[in-house]
Every structure is written in structure tokens, then in C-alpha cells.
């Protein structure tokens, strides 16, 4: 039985949304994870460049895992919500910790 055009378009839209969640949401999550991690390690006394290298290596693996998870999540909305909320919360925490360290 052939799929109707509207059903095929709906599947394509859901797939595009998962790809966007994996790429954009995963990038934002990894960026904020890296910012928070570097800030926390520097606060603990680790050299900035060592912290940066370590976190960027971890972020590479994390991005792959998040991208794959975006396709296995039960719903696209859940993937967008968790990736977006995680990115916002970690960015805010990194910003606050940086302000505290610089004051």
C-alpha cells in the first residue's frame, strides 16, 4: 500500500526535525558543556589550555552520542527540550561561574 503524500511529508518533516535536533541541539549542548567544564576546571586550578583540550576531546564524543540519541528519543519534542534546556542551564552556570571567578 502506497503512502499518501501528506503521510510521506509528515515523515520527512519528523526526520528533518530529528536531524536538526541532533546537529543544532547537540552543538549547543556540547558548546555549553565545554564552556562549563573549562570554567570549572580552571576554577579548580587546571591550566586553561589543558582544560580546553580535555573538554574538546570529550565534547567530540558527546556530540556523537547526542546526535545518535536524537534519533532514538521517543519524541522529537523530548530531544529538543532536553538538548535546549541542558544547553541553556549549562551556559547560565558557566556564565555565572565565570563572573564569580573574575570578580
N, C-alpha and C. Protein backbone atom coordinates (compact mmCIF):
# COMPACT_ATOMS: atom_id res chain seq x y z
N UNK A 1 0.85 -1.17 0.00
CA UNK A 1 0.00 0.00 0.00
C UNK A 1 0.90 1.24 0.00
N UNK A 2 0.66 2.13 -0.90
CA UNK A 2 1.46 3.34 -1.04
C UNK A 2 1.05 4.37 0.01
N UNK A 3 2.04 5.08 0.48
CA UNK A 3 1.77 6.13 1.46
C UNK A 3 1.19 7.35 0.77
N UNK A 4 0.32 8.03 1.47
CA UNK A 4 -0.24 9.26 0.91
C UNK A 4 0.82 10.34 0.93
N UNK A 5 0.69 11.33 0.07
CA UNK A 5 1.69 12.41 0.07
C UNK A 5 1.81 13.14 1.40
N UNK A 6 0.68 13.32 2.09
CA UNK A 6 0.75 14.03 3.37
C UNK A 6 1.47 13.19 4.44
N UNK A 7 1.29 11.86 4.41
CA UNK A 7 1.99 11.00 5.36
C UNK A 7 3.48 11.00 5.07
N UNK A 8 3.85 10.97 3.81
CA UNK A 8 5.27 11.00 3.45
C UNK A 8 5.89 12.34 3.83
N UNK A 9 5.15 13.41 3.65
CA UNK A 9 5.66 14.73 4.03
C UNK A 9 5.82 14.82 5.55
N UNK A 10 4.90 14.23 6.29
CA UNK A 10 4.99 14.23 7.75
C UNK A 10 6.21 13.47 8.24
N UNK A 11 6.48 12.31 7.61
CA UNK A 11 7.67 11.54 7.98
C UNK A 11 8.94 12.31 7.64
N UNK A 12 8.94 12.97 6.50
CA UNK A 12 10.11 13.77 6.11
C UNK A 12 10.35 14.93 7.07
N UNK A 13 9.26 15.56 7.51
CA UNK A 13 9.39 16.68 8.45
C UNK A 13 9.90 16.20 9.80
N UNK A 14 9.42 15.04 10.27
CA UNK A 14 9.90 14.48 11.54
C UNK A 14 11.38 14.10 11.43
N UNK A 15 11.78 13.55 10.30
CA UNK A 15 13.18 13.19 10.11
C UNK A 15 14.06 14.44 10.07
N UNK A 16 13.61 15.47 9.37
CA UNK A 16 14.37 16.73 9.32
C UNK A 16 14.47 17.36 10.70
N UNK A 17 13.42 17.25 11.50
CA UNK A 17 13.45 17.81 12.85
C UNK A 17 14.43 17.04 13.72
N UNK A 18 14.50 15.73 13.57
CA UNK A 18 15.47 14.94 14.34
C UNK A 18 16.89 15.25 13.92
N UNK A 19 17.12 15.43 12.63
CA UNK A 19 18.45 15.80 12.16
C UNK A 19 18.84 17.17 12.71
N UNK A 20 17.90 18.12 12.67
CA UNK A 20 18.17 19.46 13.20
C UNK A 20 18.42 19.40 14.71
N UNK A 21 17.65 18.60 15.42
CA UNK A 21 17.86 18.46 16.87
C UNK A 21 19.23 17.86 17.14
N UNK A 22 19.59 16.85 16.38
CA UNK A 22 20.90 16.23 16.57
C UNK A 22 22.05 17.18 16.28
N UNK A 23 21.93 17.94 15.19
CA UNK A 23 23.01 18.85 14.81
C UNK A 23 23.02 20.12 15.64
N UNK A 24 21.92 20.86 15.61
CA UNK A 24 21.87 22.16 16.30
C UNK A 24 21.79 22.01 17.81
N UNK A 25 20.89 21.16 18.27
CA UNK A 25 20.76 20.95 19.71
C UNK A 25 22.00 20.30 20.29
N UNK A 26 22.55 19.32 19.56
CA UNK A 26 23.77 18.67 20.02
C UNK A 26 24.94 19.64 20.08
N UNK A 27 25.03 20.52 19.09
CA UNK A 27 26.11 21.51 19.08
C UNK A 27 25.97 22.47 20.26
N UNK A 28 24.76 22.98 20.48
CA UNK A 28 24.54 23.92 21.58
C UNK A 28 24.82 23.25 22.93
N UNK A 29 24.39 22.01 23.08
CA UNK A 29 24.63 21.28 24.32
C UNK A 29 26.12 21.08 24.54
N UNK A 30 26.83 20.66 23.50
CA UNK A 30 28.28 20.43 23.62
C UNK A 30 29.03 21.73 23.87
N UNK A 31 28.62 22.80 23.23
CA UNK A 31 29.27 24.09 23.44
C UNK A 31 29.14 24.52 24.89
N UNK A 32 27.93 24.42 25.43
CA UNK A 32 27.73 24.84 26.82
C UNK A 32 28.40 23.88 27.79
N UNK A 33 28.43 22.59 27.48
CA UNK A 33 29.14 21.62 28.29
C UNK A 33 30.63 21.96 28.35
N UNK A 34 31.18 22.30 27.20
CA UNK A 34 32.59 22.66 27.12
C UNK A 34 32.88 23.94 27.90
N UNK A 35 32.03 24.94 27.74
CA UNK A 35 32.23 26.21 28.46
C UNK A 35 32.17 25.99 29.97
N UNK A 36 31.20 25.24 30.42
CA UNK A 36 31.07 24.98 31.86
C UNK A 36 32.24 24.14 32.37
N UNK A 37 32.61 23.13 31.61
CA UNK A 37 33.71 22.26 32.04
C UNK A 37 35.04 22.99 32.12
N UNK A 38 35.34 23.81 31.12
CA UNK A 38 36.59 24.57 31.13
C UNK A 38 36.59 25.53 32.32
N UNK A 39 35.48 26.21 32.53
CA UNK A 39 35.40 27.16 33.64
C UNK A 39 35.58 26.45 34.97
N UNK A 40 34.93 25.30 35.13
CA UNK A 40 35.05 24.56 36.39
C UNK A 40 36.47 24.06 36.61
N UNK A 41 37.11 23.55 35.57
CA UNK A 41 38.47 23.05 35.72
C UNK A 41 39.46 24.18 36.02
N UNK A 42 39.28 25.32 35.37
CA UNK A 42 40.14 26.46 35.66
C UNK A 42 39.93 26.92 37.10
N UNK A 43 38.68 26.89 37.58
CA UNK A 43 38.41 27.25 38.96
C UNK A 43 39.09 26.29 39.94
N UNK A 44 39.28 25.05 39.51
CA UNK A 44 39.95 24.06 40.36
C UNK A 44 41.47 24.11 40.24
N UNK A 45 41.98 24.99 39.37
CA UNK A 45 43.43 25.17 39.29
C UNK A 45 44.10 24.53 38.09
N UNK A 46 43.34 23.94 37.19
CA UNK A 46 43.91 23.33 35.99
C UNK A 46 44.26 24.43 35.00
N UNK A 47 45.36 24.27 34.28
CA UNK A 47 45.76 25.24 33.26
C UNK A 47 44.66 25.34 32.19
N UNK A 48 44.41 26.55 31.70
CA UNK A 48 43.32 26.77 30.75
C UNK A 48 43.46 25.88 29.51
N UNK A 49 44.64 25.81 28.93
CA UNK A 49 44.80 25.07 27.68
C UNK A 49 44.67 23.56 27.88
N UNK A 50 45.06 23.08 29.03
CA UNK A 50 44.86 21.66 29.33
C UNK A 50 43.38 21.36 29.51
N UNK A 51 42.68 22.25 30.21
CA UNK A 51 41.24 22.09 30.39
C UNK A 51 40.51 22.16 29.05
N UNK A 52 40.92 23.09 28.21
CA UNK A 52 40.29 23.25 26.90
C UNK A 52 40.48 22.00 26.05
N UNK A 53 41.69 21.48 26.00
CA UNK A 53 41.96 20.28 25.21
C UNK A 53 41.15 19.09 25.72
N UNK A 54 41.14 18.90 27.02
CA UNK A 54 40.41 17.77 27.60
C UNK A 54 38.92 17.86 27.31
N UNK A 55 38.35 19.04 27.48
CA UNK A 55 36.90 19.19 27.27
C UNK A 55 36.52 19.10 25.79
N UNK A 56 37.37 19.60 24.91
CA UNK A 56 37.07 19.49 23.49
C UNK A 56 37.13 18.04 23.02
N UNK A 57 38.03 17.25 23.57
CA UNK A 57 38.06 15.82 23.25
C UNK A 57 36.81 15.12 23.76
N UNK A 58 36.37 15.47 24.97
CA UNK A 58 35.13 14.89 25.49
C UNK A 58 33.91 15.34 24.68
N UNK A 59 33.91 16.60 24.27
CA UNK A 59 32.77 17.14 23.52
C UNK A 59 32.62 16.44 22.17
N UNK A 60 33.72 16.03 21.57
CA UNK A 60 33.65 15.31 20.30
C UNK A 60 32.85 14.02 20.45
N UNK A 61 33.14 13.26 21.49
CA UNK A 61 32.42 12.00 21.74
C UNK A 61 30.98 12.30 22.17
N UNK A 62 30.81 13.31 23.01
CA UNK A 62 29.47 13.68 23.48
C UNK A 62 28.57 14.08 22.32
N UNK A 63 29.10 14.84 21.37
CA UNK A 63 28.29 15.26 20.22
C UNK A 63 27.80 14.05 19.44
N UNK A 64 28.66 13.08 19.22
CA UNK A 64 28.25 11.87 18.51
C UNK A 64 27.14 11.15 19.26
N UNK A 65 27.29 11.01 20.58
CA UNK A 65 26.26 10.34 21.38
C UNK A 65 24.94 11.10 21.35
N UNK A 66 25.00 12.42 21.45
CA UNK A 66 23.77 13.21 21.42
C UNK A 66 23.09 13.15 20.07
N UNK A 67 23.87 13.17 19.00
CA UNK A 67 23.30 13.07 17.66
C UNK A 67 22.57 11.75 17.48
N UNK A 68 23.19 10.66 17.92
CA UNK A 68 22.54 9.35 17.83
C UNK A 68 21.32 9.28 18.74
N UNK A 69 21.41 9.87 19.93
CA UNK A 69 20.28 9.85 20.85
C UNK A 69 19.08 10.61 20.28
N UNK A 70 19.33 11.67 19.52
CA UNK A 70 18.23 12.44 18.94
C UNK A 70 17.37 11.57 18.03
N UNK A 71 17.95 10.54 17.45
CA UNK A 71 17.19 9.63 16.60
C UNK A 71 16.51 8.52 17.38
N UNK A 72 17.01 8.20 18.55
CA UNK A 72 16.40 7.13 19.33
C UNK A 72 15.45 7.64 20.42
N UNK A 73 15.38 8.95 20.61
CA UNK A 73 14.48 9.51 21.62
C UNK A 73 13.03 9.18 21.25
N UNK A 74 12.19 9.05 22.26
CA UNK A 74 10.79 8.69 22.00
C UNK A 74 10.06 9.72 21.16
N UNK A 75 10.38 10.98 21.37
CA UNK A 75 9.72 12.02 20.58
C UNK A 75 10.73 13.11 20.24
N UNK A 76 10.44 13.79 19.15
CA UNK A 76 11.30 14.88 18.72
C UNK A 76 11.23 16.02 19.73
N UNK A 77 10.06 16.24 20.29
CA UNK A 77 9.90 17.31 21.28
C UNK A 77 10.77 17.06 22.50
N UNK A 78 10.86 15.80 22.92
CA UNK A 78 11.71 15.47 24.07
C UNK A 78 13.17 15.75 23.75
N UNK A 79 13.60 15.40 22.56
CA UNK A 79 15.00 15.65 22.17
C UNK A 79 15.29 17.15 22.17
N UNK A 80 14.40 17.94 21.54
CA UNK A 80 14.60 19.39 21.51
C UNK A 80 14.59 19.97 22.91
N UNK A 81 13.67 19.52 23.74
CA UNK A 81 13.54 20.07 25.09
C UNK A 81 14.77 19.77 25.94
N UNK A 82 15.20 18.53 25.96
CA UNK A 82 16.35 18.17 26.80
C UNK A 82 17.64 18.81 26.30
N UNK A 83 17.84 18.82 25.00
CA UNK A 83 19.06 19.43 24.48
C UNK A 83 19.05 20.94 24.70
N UNK A 84 17.91 21.57 24.44
CA UNK A 84 17.82 23.02 24.62
C UNK A 84 17.92 23.43 26.08
N UNK A 85 17.21 22.72 26.94
CA UNK A 85 17.25 23.06 28.37
C UNK A 85 18.63 22.82 28.95
N UNK A 86 19.26 21.73 28.56
CA UNK A 86 20.61 21.46 29.03
C UNK A 86 21.59 22.53 28.58
N UNK A 87 21.46 22.96 27.33
CA UNK A 87 22.35 23.99 26.81
C UNK A 87 22.15 25.31 27.55
N UNK A 88 20.91 25.68 27.77
CA UNK A 88 20.63 26.95 28.46
C UNK A 88 21.12 26.90 29.90
N UNK A 89 20.84 25.82 30.60
CA UNK A 89 21.24 25.72 32.01
C UNK A 89 22.75 25.70 32.17
N UNK A 90 23.44 24.93 31.32
CA UNK A 90 24.90 24.88 31.44
C UNK A 90 25.54 26.20 31.02
N UNK A 91 24.98 26.86 30.03
CA UNK A 91 25.50 28.18 29.63
C UNK A 91 25.34 29.19 30.76
N UNK A 92 24.18 29.17 31.39
CA UNK A 92 23.95 30.09 32.51
C UNK A 92 24.88 29.79 33.67
N UNK A 93 25.10 28.51 33.95
CA UNK A 93 26.01 28.13 35.03
C UNK A 93 27.44 28.55 34.71
N UNK A 94 27.87 28.36 33.47
CA UNK A 94 29.22 28.75 33.06
C UNK A 94 29.37 30.27 33.15
N UNK A 95 28.37 30.99 32.71
CA UNK A 95 28.42 32.45 32.77
C UNK A 95 28.52 32.93 34.21
N UNK A 96 27.69 32.35 35.07
CA UNK A 96 27.71 32.74 36.48
C UNK A 96 29.04 32.41 37.15
N UNK A 97 29.59 31.24 36.86
CA UNK A 97 30.87 30.85 37.45
C UNK A 97 32.00 31.74 36.93
N UNK A 98 31.95 32.08 35.66
CA UNK A 98 32.98 32.99 35.10
C UNK A 98 32.91 34.36 35.75
N UNK A 99 31.71 34.87 35.93
CA UNK A 99 31.55 36.17 36.60
C UNK A 99 32.07 36.12 38.03
N UNK A 100 31.81 35.02 38.72
CA UNK A 100 32.28 34.87 40.09
C UNK A 100 33.81 34.81 40.14
N UNK A 101 34.42 34.07 39.20
CA UNK A 101 35.87 33.95 39.19
C UNK A 101 36.56 35.26 38.83
N UNK A 102 35.92 36.06 37.98
CA UNK A 102 36.54 37.31 37.55
C UNK A 102 36.32 38.47 38.52
N UNK A 103 35.42 38.29 39.47
CA UNK A 103 35.16 39.40 40.41
C UNK A 103 36.09 39.34 41.60
